[in-house]
């Protein structure tokens, strides 16, 4: 019982730490040049913050190779308790394109956007059984923080039908 309370206190302190990190959001920035030799991020939409739901502004991209969509990527600007468990970055690569490093490349293409919003650290989370996403985090040089129990009612708890989230911190 004592160990559970210590872990809960550590998580509360971590959430407070991330929520204290500076960000700058005046408006969405230009994302027209997010590409490398293999892939391009094409902006699909942006979402304004929703203070009632405690949602931060977000960018939503298609990951494209030769103008063909091969996956998606999103970036949330800011820190909240919910994002401690859900992360600032989410991605998925279509099954036929997996194993080529496209998720790693796509995340790296976000660096100018994150820096424009003064974000020096972002959280990337994944399910404990998602080894592919864990490898993405490792290749980015993200540090594993912990596996945390999702609070009942968290969006991931309700939709993913999972109870735990691996939490990685990526320092830019």
Foldseek 3Di string as FASTA:
>chain_A
DVVVVVVVVVLVVVLVVQQPAAWAPPDQDDQPPLDDPFKHWDWDDWDPADVVVRFAIKTKTFIDGPNHGFWIKMAGTHGHSLCQQAKRMDIDGHPVPPPPCSVLSNVVSCVVRRVVGVHQKIKHKDDPVCVSVVVSCVVLVWAWDAKDFDDPPRPCCVPVVDGIMTITMRGD
